[in-house]
Amino acid sequence: MIKRTLFIAALIAFFGAGFGLAYSLFNRSASAETTIQNSTVLLKQVEQVCKLVTVEGNFSELYDETNIRRFTVYVPMPSTFSFSKKAILQVEGKVLVGYDLKDIKITADSTRKRVILSHIPEPEILSVDHSIAYKNLSESFFNSFAPEDYTRLNANAKAMLREKARESELMQEARLEGNQLIRIMDFMVRSAGWSLFVQHPGQNTPVPADSLLLG
């Protein structure tokens, strides 16, 4: 009788341990999370660039956009309903302004000991590096945000930074810095016993660098 009782107790303990182990493994597998990351690098084009950054501007702006969608119901009588969605973004960005020098030409006239700079470009926005934070998003049942909306908001925020940069003093400051670089080049050329001349688009003959300001 005692042996039978011990056998039954051992059997119950065995099944109990097995059940507990299975339950533990099930909970672990149910609560485990697996994140799979994959990236593909696509190299489309490689170009040689020669860009000179003369001014850097940092911006912090709020960008808000409201979209209103209207529906008209003609039964039993014409009625128009409006559904809106609105986004408010905090936009932080760095704008680099300078010169794209890929088309600039430097010609040396050894008989006259002159160095001629031509095809000097106007200052331009070379790059915009920005980040956004969504401060508020509100939408309606019939006018909600879709993935393409977030892409468009990001593009619009970047375009806003470009416009703010154009409206600011960055372009003029870039011109002044460009003038300073020309003065440095003029000093170096004169130190070698030569003269620096600058020829802007539309000019028939180059003029001495020290007699003009770029822009």
N, C-alpha and C. Protein backbone atom coordinates (compact mmCIF):
# COMPACT_ATOMS: atom_id res chain seq x y z
N MET A 1 0.84 -1.21 0.00
CA MET A 1 0.00 0.00 0.00
C MET A 1 0.87 1.25 0.00
N ILE A 2 1.93 1.20 0.80
CA ILE A 2 2.82 2.37 0.88
C ILE A 2 3.54 2.57 -0.44
N LYS A 3 3.96 1.43 -1.05
CA LYS A 3 4.64 1.55 -2.35
C LYS A 3 3.72 2.13 -3.39
N ARG A 4 2.48 1.70 -3.37
CA ARG A 4 1.51 2.22 -4.36
C ARG A 4 1.30 3.71 -4.15
N THR A 5 1.21 4.14 -2.90
CA THR A 5 1.01 5.57 -2.61
C THR A 5 2.21 6.38 -3.08
N LEU A 6 3.43 5.84 -2.84
CA LEU A 6 4.63 6.55 -3.27
C LEU A 6 4.70 6.63 -4.79
N PHE A 7 4.28 5.54 -5.46
CA PHE A 7 4.29 5.53 -6.92
C PHE A 7 3.35 6.57 -7.49
N ILE A 8 2.16 6.66 -6.89
CA ILE A 8 1.17 7.64 -7.37
C ILE A 8 1.68 9.06 -7.12
N ALA A 9 2.30 9.27 -5.94
CA ALA A 9 2.83 10.60 -5.61
C ALA A 9 3.95 10.99 -6.57
N ALA A 10 4.83 9.99 -6.89
CA ALA A 10 5.91 10.27 -7.83
C ALA A 10 5.37 10.57 -9.21
N LEU A 11 4.32 9.83 -9.61
CA LEU A 11 3.71 10.06 -10.91
C LEU A 11 3.09 11.44 -11.00
N ILE A 12 2.40 11.85 -9.93
CA ILE A 12 1.79 13.19 -9.90
C ILE A 12 2.88 14.27 -9.96
N ALA A 13 3.96 14.04 -9.19
CA ALA A 13 5.06 15.01 -9.19
C ALA A 13 5.69 15.12 -10.57
N PHE A 14 5.85 13.96 -11.26
CA PHE A 14 6.44 13.95 -12.59
C PHE A 14 5.60 14.74 -13.58
N PHE A 15 4.27 14.47 -13.58
CA PHE A 15 3.39 15.21 -14.50
C PHE A 15 3.31 16.69 -14.11
N GLY A 16 3.36 16.95 -12.81
CA GLY A 16 3.33 18.36 -12.37
C GLY A 16 4.56 19.12 -12.84
N ALA A 17 5.73 18.46 -12.70
CA ALA A 17 6.97 19.11 -13.17
C ALA A 17 6.95 19.32 -14.67
N GLY A 18 6.44 18.31 -15.40
CA GLY A 18 6.34 18.45 -16.85
C GLY A 18 5.41 19.57 -17.26
N PHE A 19 4.28 19.68 -16.57
CA PHE A 19 3.33 20.76 -16.87
C PHE A 19 3.95 22.12 -16.58
N GLY A 20 4.64 22.21 -15.44
CA GLY A 20 5.27 23.49 -15.10
C GLY A 20 6.32 23.90 -16.10
N LEU A 21 7.13 22.91 -16.55
CA LEU A 21 8.16 23.21 -17.55
C LEU A 21 7.55 23.65 -18.87
N ALA A 22 6.49 22.96 -19.29
CA ALA A 22 5.82 23.34 -20.55
C ALA A 22 5.21 24.72 -20.45
N TYR A 23 4.60 25.04 -19.31
CA TYR A 23 3.98 26.35 -19.12
C TYR A 23 5.03 27.46 -19.15
N SER A 24 6.18 27.18 -18.51
CA SER A 24 7.25 28.18 -18.50
C SER A 24 7.78 28.44 -19.90
N LEU A 25 8.00 27.34 -20.67
CA LEU A 25 8.49 27.50 -22.04
C LEU A 25 7.48 28.22 -22.92
N PHE A 26 6.20 27.95 -22.72
CA PHE A 26 5.16 28.62 -23.50
C PHE A 26 5.15 30.11 -23.22
N ASN A 27 5.26 30.48 -21.92
CA ASN A 27 5.25 31.90 -21.56
C ASN A 27 6.46 32.61 -22.14
N ARG A 28 7.61 31.93 -22.12
CA ARG A 28 8.80 32.56 -22.68
C ARG A 28 8.66 32.80 -24.17
N SER A 29 8.13 31.81 -24.87
CA SER A 29 7.97 31.96 -26.32
C SER A 29 6.90 32.98 -26.65
N ALA A 30 5.88 33.10 -25.81
CA ALA A 30 4.81 34.05 -26.09
C ALA A 30 5.25 35.48 -25.84
N SER A 31 6.13 35.68 -24.82
CA SER A 31 6.54 37.04 -24.47
C SER A 31 7.79 37.48 -25.20
N ALA A 32 8.48 36.57 -25.84
CA ALA A 32 9.71 36.94 -26.54
C ALA A 32 9.39 37.77 -27.76
N GLU A 33 10.25 38.75 -28.01
CA GLU A 33 10.08 39.61 -29.18
C GLU A 33 11.31 39.47 -30.06
N THR A 34 11.09 39.44 -31.34
CA THR A 34 12.17 39.33 -32.31
C THR A 34 12.08 40.47 -33.30
N THR A 35 13.16 41.20 -33.41
CA THR A 35 13.22 42.32 -34.35
C THR A 35 14.20 41.97 -35.45
N ILE A 36 13.73 42.01 -36.67
CA ILE A 36 14.57 41.70 -37.82
C ILE A 36 14.81 42.99 -38.60
N GLN A 37 16.05 43.35 -38.73
CA GLN A 37 16.41 44.57 -39.45
C GLN A 37 17.16 44.20 -40.71
N ASN A 38 16.84 44.93 -41.76
CA ASN A 38 17.47 44.67 -43.04
C ASN A 38 17.64 45.99 -43.76
N SER A 39 18.74 46.16 -44.41
CA SER A 39 18.98 47.39 -45.16
C SER A 39 19.64 47.05 -46.48
N THR A 40 19.32 47.86 -47.46
CA THR A 40 19.90 47.69 -48.78
C THR A 40 20.48 49.02 -49.24
N VAL A 41 21.74 49.03 -49.56
CA VAL A 41 22.41 50.25 -50.00
C VAL A 41 22.41 50.28 -51.52
N LEU A 42 21.84 51.32 -52.06
CA LEU A 42 21.78 51.48 -53.51
C LEU A 42 22.67 52.65 -53.91
N LEU A 43 23.70 52.39 -54.62
CA LEU A 43 24.61 53.41 -55.11
C LEU A 43 24.21 53.77 -56.53
N LYS A 44 23.58 54.93 -56.68
CA LYS A 44 23.07 55.32 -57.98
C LYS A 44 24.12 56.04 -58.82
N GLN A 45 24.81 56.99 -58.20
CA GLN A 45 25.70 57.81 -59.00
C GLN A 45 26.78 58.42 -58.11
N VAL A 46 27.97 58.49 -58.61
CA VAL A 46 29.09 59.12 -57.91
C VAL A 46 29.58 60.27 -58.78
N GLU A 47 29.63 61.46 -58.19
CA GLU A 47 30.07 62.64 -58.92
C GLU A 47 31.16 63.35 -58.14
N GLN A 48 32.06 63.94 -58.87
CA GLN A 48 33.07 64.80 -58.26
C GLN A 48 32.47 66.18 -58.05
N VAL A 49 32.59 66.70 -56.83
CA VAL A 49 32.03 68.00 -56.52
C VAL A 49 33.13 68.89 -55.96
N CYS A 50 32.93 70.17 -56.14
CA CYS A 50 33.83 71.16 -55.58
C CYS A 50 32.96 72.31 -55.07
N LYS A 51 32.60 72.21 -53.81
CA LYS A 51 31.71 73.20 -53.22
C LYS A 51 32.39 73.87 -52.03
N LEU A 52 32.19 75.15 -51.95
CA LEU A 52 32.80 75.94 -50.88
C LEU A 52 31.71 76.50 -49.98
N VAL A 53 31.69 76.06 -48.74
CA VAL A 53 30.72 76.56 -47.76
C VAL A 53 31.31 77.78 -47.08
N THR A 54 30.60 78.89 -47.14
CA THR A 54 31.08 80.12 -46.53
C THR A 54 30.24 80.56 -45.33
N VAL A 55 28.98 80.14 -45.27
CA VAL A 55 28.08 80.55 -44.18
C VAL A 55 27.24 79.37 -43.75
N GLU A 56 27.02 79.25 -42.45
CA GLU A 56 26.16 78.21 -41.90
C GLU A 56 25.08 78.87 -41.04
N GLY A 57 23.84 78.49 -41.28
CA GLY A 57 22.72 79.05 -40.52
C GLY A 57 21.95 77.95 -39.82
N ASN A 58 21.58 78.19 -38.56
CA ASN A 58 20.78 77.23 -37.79
C ASN A 58 19.40 77.82 -37.55
N PHE A 59 18.38 77.01 -37.81
CA PHE A 59 17.00 77.47 -37.73
C PHE A 59 16.20 76.56 -36.80
N SER A 60 15.25 77.17 -36.13
CA SER A 60 14.27 76.43 -35.33
C SER A 60 12.92 77.07 -35.59
N GLU A 61 12.05 76.33 -36.25
CA GLU A 61 10.78 76.89 -36.70
C GLU A 61 9.63 75.94 -36.36
N LEU A 62 8.45 76.54 -36.22
CA LEU A 62 7.22 75.76 -36.10
C LEU A 62 6.51 75.78 -37.45
N TYR A 63 6.13 74.60 -37.92
CA TYR A 63 5.42 74.48 -39.19
C TYR A 63 4.08 73.82 -38.93
N ASP A 64 3.02 74.48 -39.36
CA ASP A 64 1.69 73.88 -39.19
C ASP A 64 0.97 73.84 -40.53
N GLU A 65 0.19 72.81 -40.70
CA GLU A 65 -0.53 72.59 -41.95
C GLU A 65 -1.91 72.02 -41.64
N THR A 66 -2.91 72.59 -42.28
CA THR A 66 -4.29 72.14 -42.09
C THR A 66 -4.88 71.74 -43.42
N ASN A 67 -5.48 70.58 -43.46
CA ASN A 67 -6.14 70.08 -44.66
C ASN A 67 -7.62 69.89 -44.36
N ILE A 68 -8.47 70.42 -45.23
CA ILE A 68 -9.92 70.32 -45.05
C ILE A 68 -10.52 69.59 -46.24
N ARG A 69 -11.25 68.55 -45.95
CA ARG A 69 -11.93 67.77 -46.99
C ARG A 69 -13.43 67.96 -46.83
N ARG A 70 -14.08 68.34 -47.93
CA ARG A 70 -15.51 68.64 -47.88
C ARG A 70 -16.30 67.59 -48.68
N PHE A 71 -17.42 67.18 -48.11
CA PHE A 71 -18.33 66.25 -48.77
C PHE A 71 -19.70 66.91 -48.87
N THR A 72 -20.32 66.74 -50.02
CA THR A 72 -21.65 67.30 -50.23
C THR A 72 -22.64 66.16 -50.42
N VAL A 73 -23.68 66.18 -49.61
CA VAL A 73 -24.75 65.19 -49.71
C VAL A 73 -25.98 65.90 -50.27
N TYR A 74 -26.56 65.35 -51.33
CA TYR A 74 -27.65 66.02 -52.04
C TYR A 74 -29.03 65.46 -51.66
N VAL A 75 -29.06 64.49 -50.79
CA VAL A 75 -30.35 63.90 -50.40
C VAL A 75 -30.51 64.02 -48.88
N PRO A 76 -31.63 64.53 -48.38
CA PRO A 76 -32.81 65.00 -49.15
C PRO A 76 -32.63 66.39 -49.72
N MET A 77 -31.61 67.15 -49.16
CA MET A 77 -31.31 68.49 -49.68
C MET A 77 -29.80 68.69 -49.60
N PRO A 78 -29.22 69.53 -50.47
CA PRO A 78 -27.76 69.69 -50.49
C PRO A 78 -27.23 70.15 -49.13
N SER A 79 -26.27 69.40 -48.61
CA SER A 79 -25.62 69.73 -47.35
C SER A 79 -24.13 69.40 -47.49
N THR A 80 -23.29 70.32 -47.02
CA THR A 80 -21.84 70.15 -47.11
C THR A 80 -21.26 69.93 -45.72
N PHE A 81 -20.41 68.90 -45.61
CA PHE A 81 -19.77 68.58 -44.35
C PHE A 81 -18.26 68.70 -44.52
N SER A 82 -17.60 69.25 -43.51
CA SER A 82 -16.14 69.45 -43.57
C SER A 82 -15.45 68.56 -42.54
N PHE A 83 -14.35 67.95 -42.98
CA PHE A 83 -13.54 67.10 -42.10
C PHE A 83 -12.09 67.56 -42.25
N SER A 84 -11.46 67.88 -41.16
CA SER A 84 -10.12 68.47 -41.21
C SER A 84 -9.10 67.58 -40.51
N LYS A 85 -7.86 67.79 -40.90
CA LYS A 85 -6.72 67.21 -40.21
C LYS A 85 -5.62 68.27 -40.14
N LYS A 86 -4.92 68.31 -39.03
CA LYS A 86 -3.94 69.36 -38.81
C LYS A 86 -2.70 68.77 -38.17
N ALA A 87 -1.55 69.27 -38.60
CA ALA A 87 -0.26 68.83 -38.06
C ALA A 87 0.56 70.05 -37.67
N ILE A 88 1.18 69.98 -36.50
CA ILE A 88 2.10 71.02 -36.03
C ILE A 88 3.45 70.35 -35.80
N LEU A 89 4.48 70.86 -36.48
CA LEU A 89 5.80 70.26 -36.42
C LEU A 89 6.82 71.26 -35.87
N GLN A 90 7.73 70.74 -35.08
CA GLN A 90 8.90 71.51 -34.66
C GLN A 90 10.04 71.13 -35.59
N VAL A 91 10.55 72.10 -36.32
CA VAL A 91 11.57 71.83 -37.34
C VAL A 91 12.89 72.46 -36.91
N GLU A 92 13.91 71.62 -36.80
CA GLU A 92 15.26 72.07 -36.50
C GLU A 92 16.12 71.80 -37.73
N GLY A 93 16.91 72.78 -38.13
CA GLY A 93 17.68 72.57 -39.34
C GLY A 93 18.95 73.37 -39.41
N LYS A 94 19.88 72.87 -40.20
CA LYS A 94 21.15 73.55 -40.48
C LYS A 94 21.24 73.76 -41.98
N VAL A 95 21.44 75.00 -42.38
CA VAL A 95 21.51 75.37 -43.80
C VAL A 95 22.92 75.84 -44.12
N LEU A 96 23.52 75.23 -45.12
CA LEU A 96 24.86 75.60 -45.56
C LEU A 96 24.76 76.37 -46.87
N VAL A 97 25.36 77.55 -46.88
CA VAL A 97 25.32 78.43 -48.05
C VAL A 97 26.75 78.68 -48.51
N GLY A 98 26.93 78.66 -49.81
CA GLY A 98 28.27 78.89 -50.35
C GLY A 98 28.26 78.88 -51.86
N TYR A 99 29.33 78.34 -52.44
CA TYR A 99 29.52 78.40 -53.89
C TYR A 99 29.79 77.01 -54.45
N ASP A 100 29.17 76.74 -55.57
CA ASP A 100 29.46 75.54 -56.34
C ASP A 100 30.51 75.91 -57.37
N LEU A 101 31.73 75.43 -57.18
CA LEU A 101 32.87 75.89 -57.98
C LEU A 101 33.19 74.97 -59.16
N LYS A 102 32.26 74.10 -59.52
CA LYS A 102 32.56 73.14 -60.58
C LYS A 102 32.77 73.81 -61.94
N ASP A 103 32.17 74.98 -62.17
CA ASP A 103 32.28 75.65 -63.47
C ASP A 103 33.26 76.82 -63.46
N ILE A 104 33.86 77.12 -62.31
CA ILE A 104 34.77 78.25 -62.24
C ILE A 104 36.04 77.96 -63.05
N LYS A 105 36.58 78.97 -63.68
CA LYS A 105 37.77 78.81 -64.50
C LYS A 105 38.88 79.73 -64.01
N ILE A 106 40.09 79.18 -63.95
CA ILE A 106 41.27 79.95 -63.56
C ILE A 106 42.26 79.88 -64.72
N THR A 107 42.55 81.05 -65.28
CA THR A 107 43.45 81.15 -66.44
C THR A 107 44.68 81.96 -66.06
N ALA A 108 45.83 81.47 -66.43
CA ALA A 108 47.09 82.17 -66.15
C ALA A 108 47.65 82.76 -67.43
N ASP A 109 47.92 84.06 -67.40
CA ASP A 109 48.53 84.77 -68.53
C ASP A 109 49.96 85.10 -68.13
N SER A 110 50.88 84.23 -68.56
CA SER A 110 52.26 84.38 -68.11
C SER A 110 52.94 85.61 -68.70
N THR A 111 52.51 86.06 -69.89
CA THR A 111 53.14 87.23 -70.51
C THR A 111 52.85 88.50 -69.72
N ARG A 112 51.64 88.60 -69.19
CA ARG A 112 51.27 89.77 -68.40
C ARG A 112 51.31 89.51 -66.89
N LYS A 113 51.64 88.28 -66.53
CA LYS A 113 51.66 87.87 -65.13
C LYS A 113 50.31 88.16 -64.48
N ARG A 114 49.27 87.61 -65.11
CA ARG A 114 47.92 87.80 -64.60
C ARG A 114 47.25 86.45 -64.38
N VAL A 115 46.47 86.36 -63.32
CA VAL A 115 45.61 85.21 -63.07
C VAL A 115 44.17 85.70 -63.20
N ILE A 116 43.39 85.06 -64.06
CA ILE A 116 42.03 85.51 -64.35
C ILE A 116 41.03 84.48 -63.82
N LEU A 117 40.14 84.94 -62.98
CA LEU A 117 39.03 84.12 -62.49
C LEU A 117 37.78 84.46 -63.29
N SER A 118 37.13 83.44 -63.83
CA SER A 118 35.91 83.68 -64.60
C SER A 118 34.87 82.62 -64.26
N HIS A 119 33.64 82.86 -64.70
CA HIS A 119 32.51 81.96 -64.42
C HIS A 119 32.30 81.78 -62.92
N ILE A 120 32.43 82.87 -62.19
CA ILE A 120 32.22 82.81 -60.73
C ILE A 120 30.72 82.76 -60.47
N PRO A 121 30.23 81.77 -59.76
CA PRO A 121 28.78 81.63 -59.56
C PRO A 121 28.26 82.54 -58.46
N GLU A 122 26.96 82.63 -58.38
CA GLU A 122 26.30 83.32 -57.28
C GLU A 122 26.23 82.36 -56.08
N PRO A 123 26.21 82.90 -54.87
CA PRO A 123 26.04 82.01 -53.71
C PRO A 123 24.69 81.31 -53.75
N GLU A 124 24.66 80.10 -53.24
CA GLU A 124 23.44 79.31 -53.25
C GLU A 124 23.38 78.42 -52.01
N ILE A 125 22.21 77.87 -51.78
CA ILE A 125 22.05 76.94 -50.67
C ILE A 125 22.61 75.59 -51.12
N LEU A 126 23.63 75.13 -50.44
CA LEU A 126 24.29 73.89 -50.83
C LEU A 126 23.65 72.66 -50.21
N SER A 127 23.16 72.78 -48.99
CA SER A 127 22.53 71.63 -48.35
C SER A 127 21.65 72.10 -47.20
N VAL A 128 20.65 71.28 -46.89
CA VAL A 128 19.74 71.52 -45.76
C VAL A 128 19.66 70.21 -44.98
N ASP A 129 20.13 70.25 -43.75
CA ASP A 129 20.07 69.09 -42.87
C ASP A 129 19.05 69.40 -41.78
N HIS A 130 17.98 68.63 -41.71
CA HIS A 130 16.91 68.99 -40.80
C HIS A 130 16.35 67.76 -40.08
N SER A 131 15.67 68.03 -38.99
CA SER A 131 14.96 67.01 -38.24
C SER A 131 13.62 67.59 -37.82
N ILE A 132 12.62 66.73 -37.66
CA ILE A 132 11.29 67.19 -37.30
C ILE A 132 10.77 66.41 -36.10
N ALA A 133 9.93 67.08 -35.33
CA ALA A 133 9.24 66.45 -34.20
C ALA A 133 7.78 66.84 -34.29
N TYR A 134 6.91 65.86 -34.26
CA TYR A 134 5.48 66.12 -34.38
C TYR A 134 4.95 66.58 -33.01
N LYS A 135 4.58 67.87 -32.94
CA LYS A 135 4.07 68.42 -31.69
C LYS A 135 2.60 68.11 -31.48
N ASN A 136 1.86 68.07 -32.58
CA ASN A 136 0.42 67.80 -32.47
C ASN A 136 -0.10 67.27 -33.80
N LEU A 137 -0.91 66.23 -33.72
CA LEU A 137 -1.58 65.67 -34.89
C LEU A 137 -3.05 65.46 -34.53
N SER A 138 -3.92 66.08 -35.31
CA SER A 138 -5.36 65.91 -35.10
C SER A 138 -5.99 65.58 -36.44
N GLU A 139 -6.91 64.61 -36.43
CA GLU A 139 -7.52 64.16 -37.67
C GLU A 139 -8.98 63.82 -37.45
N SER A 140 -9.69 63.66 -38.56
CA SER A 140 -11.10 63.30 -38.53
C SER A 140 -11.28 61.89 -39.07
N PHE A 141 -12.46 61.35 -38.84
CA PHE A 141 -12.72 59.97 -39.27
C PHE A 141 -12.64 59.85 -40.78
N PHE A 142 -13.13 60.86 -41.50
CA PHE A 142 -13.12 60.83 -42.97
C PHE A 142 -11.94 61.60 -43.56
N ASN A 143 -11.00 62.01 -42.71
CA ASN A 143 -9.82 62.72 -43.20
C ASN A 143 -8.67 62.44 -42.23
N SER A 144 -8.04 61.30 -42.40
CA SER A 144 -6.98 60.87 -41.50
C SER A 144 -5.63 60.91 -42.22
N PHE A 145 -4.56 60.79 -41.44
CA PHE A 145 -3.21 60.84 -41.99
C PHE A 145 -2.83 59.48 -42.59
N ALA A 146 -2.23 59.54 -43.77
CA ALA A 146 -1.72 58.37 -44.46
C ALA A 146 -0.20 58.45 -44.52
N PRO A 147 0.49 57.35 -44.82
CA PRO A 147 1.96 57.39 -44.88
C PRO A 147 2.50 58.47 -45.82
N GLU A 148 1.83 58.69 -46.94
CA GLU A 148 2.32 59.72 -47.87
C GLU A 148 2.19 61.12 -47.30
N ASP A 149 1.27 61.30 -46.33
CA ASP A 149 1.13 62.61 -45.69
C ASP A 149 2.39 62.95 -44.89
N TYR A 150 2.93 61.97 -44.19
CA TYR A 150 4.14 62.22 -43.39
C TYR A 150 5.34 62.51 -44.29
N THR A 151 5.41 61.85 -45.43
CA THR A 151 6.48 62.14 -46.39
C THR A 151 6.35 63.57 -46.92
N ARG A 152 5.11 63.96 -47.24
CA ARG A 152 4.88 65.32 -47.75
C ARG A 152 5.18 66.36 -46.68
N LEU A 153 4.78 66.12 -45.44
CA LEU A 153 5.05 67.06 -44.36
C LEU A 153 6.56 67.25 -44.18
N ASN A 154 7.30 66.17 -44.26
CA ASN A 154 8.75 66.25 -44.13
C ASN A 154 9.36 67.09 -45.25
N ALA A 155 8.88 66.86 -46.48
CA ALA A 155 9.38 67.63 -47.63
C ALA A 155 9.00 69.11 -47.51
N ASN A 156 7.78 69.38 -47.07
CA ASN A 156 7.35 70.77 -46.91
C ASN A 156 8.14 71.49 -45.82
N ALA A 157 8.45 70.77 -44.75
CA ALA A 157 9.24 71.37 -43.68
C ALA A 157 10.64 71.74 -44.18
N LYS A 158 11.23 70.87 -45.00
CA LYS A 158 12.55 71.16 -45.57
C LYS A 158 12.47 72.34 -46.53
N ALA A 159 11.42 72.39 -47.33
CA ALA A 159 11.24 73.52 -48.26
C ALA A 159 11.05 74.83 -47.49
N MET A 160 10.37 74.77 -46.34
CA MET A 160 10.20 75.97 -45.54
C MET A 160 11.54 76.49 -45.04
N LEU A 161 12.44 75.59 -44.62
CA LEU A 161 13.76 76.02 -44.17
C LEU A 161 14.54 76.69 -45.31
N ARG A 162 14.41 76.14 -46.51
CA ARG A 162 15.08 76.77 -47.65
C ARG A 162 14.56 78.19 -47.88
N GLU A 163 13.25 78.35 -47.79
CA GLU A 163 12.66 79.66 -48.00
C GLU A 163 13.09 80.63 -46.91
N LYS A 164 13.12 80.17 -45.66
CA LYS A 164 13.57 81.02 -44.56
C LYS A 164 15.03 81.44 -44.76
N ALA A 165 15.84 80.52 -45.27
CA ALA A 165 17.25 80.85 -45.51
C ALA A 165 17.39 81.90 -46.60
N ARG A 166 16.57 81.79 -47.65
CA ARG A 166 16.63 82.78 -48.73
C ARG A 166 16.18 84.15 -48.25
N GLU A 167 15.22 84.18 -47.35
CA GLU A 167 14.71 85.44 -46.84
C GLU A 167 15.62 86.06 -45.78
N SER A 168 16.54 85.29 -45.25
CA SER A 168 17.43 85.78 -44.20
C SER A 168 18.63 86.50 -44.81
N GLU A 169 19.60 86.84 -43.97
CA GLU A 169 20.80 87.52 -44.42
C GLU A 169 21.92 86.56 -44.82
N LEU A 170 21.61 85.28 -44.89
CA LEU A 170 22.65 84.30 -45.20
C LEU A 170 23.26 84.52 -46.59
N MET A 171 22.41 84.83 -47.57
CA MET A 171 22.93 84.98 -48.93
C MET A 171 23.89 86.17 -49.02
N GLN A 172 23.52 87.29 -48.37
CA GLN A 172 24.39 88.45 -48.38
C GLN A 172 25.68 88.18 -47.62
N GLU A 173 25.58 87.47 -46.50
CA GLU A 173 26.78 87.12 -45.75
C GLU A 173 27.68 86.20 -46.56
N ALA A 174 27.08 85.32 -47.34
CA ALA A 174 27.88 84.44 -48.19
C ALA A 174 28.64 85.25 -49.24
N ARG A 175 28.00 86.28 -49.80
CA ARG A 175 28.68 87.14 -50.77
C ARG A 175 29.86 87.86 -50.13
N LEU A 176 29.66 88.35 -48.91
CA LEU A 176 30.74 89.06 -48.22
C LEU A 176 31.91 88.12 -47.94
N GLU A 177 31.60 86.88 -47.55
CA GLU A 177 32.66 85.91 -47.33
C GLU A 177 33.36 85.57 -48.64
N GLY A 178 32.60 85.52 -49.74
CA GLY A 178 33.21 85.29 -51.05
C GLY A 178 34.16 86.41 -51.42
N ASN A 179 33.78 87.64 -51.10
CA ASN A 179 34.66 88.78 -51.34
C ASN A 179 35.96 88.64 -50.55
N GLN A 180 35.82 88.19 -49.31
CA GLN A 180 37.00 88.04 -48.47
C GLN A 180 37.96 87.00 -49.04
N LEU A 181 37.40 85.92 -49.58
CA LEU A 181 38.24 84.89 -50.19
C LEU A 181 38.96 85.42 -51.42
N ILE A 182 38.25 86.25 -52.19
CA ILE A 182 38.90 86.86 -53.36
C ILE A 182 40.05 87.75 -52.92
N ARG A 183 39.85 88.49 -51.83
CA ARG A 183 40.92 89.35 -51.31
C ARG A 183 42.13 88.53 -50.88
N ILE A 184 41.87 87.38 -50.25
CA ILE A 184 42.97 86.51 -49.83
C ILE A 184 43.73 85.99 -51.05
N MET A 185 42.98 85.56 -52.08
CA MET A 185 43.62 85.09 -53.29
C MET A 185 44.41 86.21 -53.95
N ASP A 186 43.87 87.42 -53.95
CA ASP A 186 44.56 88.57 -54.53
C ASP A 186 45.88 88.83 -53.80
N PHE A 187 45.85 88.71 -52.48
CA PHE A 187 47.07 88.93 -51.70
C PHE A 187 48.13 87.87 -52.04
N MET A 188 47.70 86.62 -52.16
CA MET A 188 48.64 85.55 -52.47
C MET A 188 49.23 85.70 -53.86
N VAL A 189 48.39 86.09 -54.83
CA VAL A 189 48.88 86.27 -56.20
C VAL A 189 49.84 87.45 -56.27
N ARG A 190 49.52 88.54 -55.58
CA ARG A 190 50.40 89.70 -55.57
C ARG A 190 51.73 89.38 -54.90
N SER A 191 51.69 88.50 -53.90
CA SER A 191 52.93 88.12 -53.21
C SER A 191 53.88 87.40 -54.16
N ALA A 192 53.32 86.76 -55.18
CA ALA A 192 54.16 86.07 -56.17
C ALA A 192 54.55 86.97 -57.33
N GLY A 193 54.15 88.25 -57.25
CA GLY A 193 54.52 89.19 -58.31
C GLY A 193 53.54 89.21 -59.47
N TRP A 194 52.35 88.58 -59.29
CA TRP A 194 51.33 88.57 -60.32
C TRP A 194 50.16 89.44 -59.89
N SER A 195 49.16 89.56 -60.78
CA SER A 195 47.95 90.32 -60.49
C SER A 195 46.73 89.42 -60.70
N LEU A 196 45.71 89.61 -59.86
CA LEU A 196 44.48 88.82 -59.96
C LEU A 196 43.39 89.66 -60.61
N PHE A 197 42.76 89.09 -61.64
CA PHE A 197 41.66 89.74 -62.32
C PHE A 197 40.41 88.84 -62.24
N VAL A 198 39.27 89.49 -62.24
CA VAL A 198 38.00 88.78 -62.15
C VAL A 198 37.12 89.18 -63.32
N GLN A 199 36.52 88.19 -63.96
CA GLN A 199 35.61 88.43 -65.07
C GLN A 199 34.27 87.76 -64.78
N HIS A 200 33.24 88.59 -64.56
CA HIS A 200 31.90 88.08 -64.29
C HIS A 200 31.17 87.79 -65.60
N PRO A 201 30.16 86.94 -65.57
CA PRO A 201 29.36 86.70 -66.77
C PRO A 201 28.78 88.00 -67.32
N GLY A 202 28.89 88.19 -68.62
CA GLY A 202 28.40 89.41 -69.25
C GLY A 202 29.46 90.48 -69.42
N GLN A 203 30.61 90.30 -68.77
CA GLN A 203 31.69 91.26 -68.92
C GLN A 203 32.60 90.82 -70.06
N ASN A 204 33.00 91.79 -70.88
CA ASN A 204 33.87 91.47 -72.01
C ASN A 204 35.33 91.34 -71.59
N THR A 205 35.74 92.14 -70.64
CA THR A 205 37.13 92.12 -70.20
C THR A 205 37.19 91.96 -68.69
N PRO A 206 38.19 91.27 -68.19
CA PRO A 206 38.35 91.14 -66.74
C PRO A 206 38.81 92.45 -66.10
N VAL A 207 38.49 92.58 -64.83
CA VAL A 207 38.87 93.79 -64.10
C VAL A 207 39.71 93.39 -62.89
N PRO A 208 40.54 94.27 -62.39
CA PRO A 208 41.36 93.94 -61.21
C PRO A 208 40.47 93.53 -60.02
N ALA A 209 40.90 92.51 -59.31
CA ALA A 209 40.10 91.98 -58.20
C ALA A 209 39.92 93.00 -57.09
N ASP A 210 40.91 93.86 -56.89
CA ASP A 210 40.82 94.81 -55.78
C ASP A 210 39.92 96.00 -56.09
N SER A 211 39.35 96.05 -57.31
CA SER A 211 38.53 97.19 -57.68
C SER A 211 37.04 96.90 -57.65
N LEU A 212 36.67 95.70 -57.21
CA LEU A 212 35.25 95.36 -57.22
C LEU A 212 34.92 94.44 -56.06
N LEU A 213 33.63 94.33 -55.81
CA LEU A 213 33.10 93.40 -54.83
C LEU A 213 32.19 92.43 -55.56
N LEU A 214 32.29 91.16 -55.21
CA LEU A 214 31.46 90.16 -55.87
C LEU A 214 30.01 90.43 -55.56
N GLY A 215 29.12 90.19 -56.54
CA GLY A 215 27.66 90.34 -56.34
C GLY A 215 27.25 91.78 -56.50
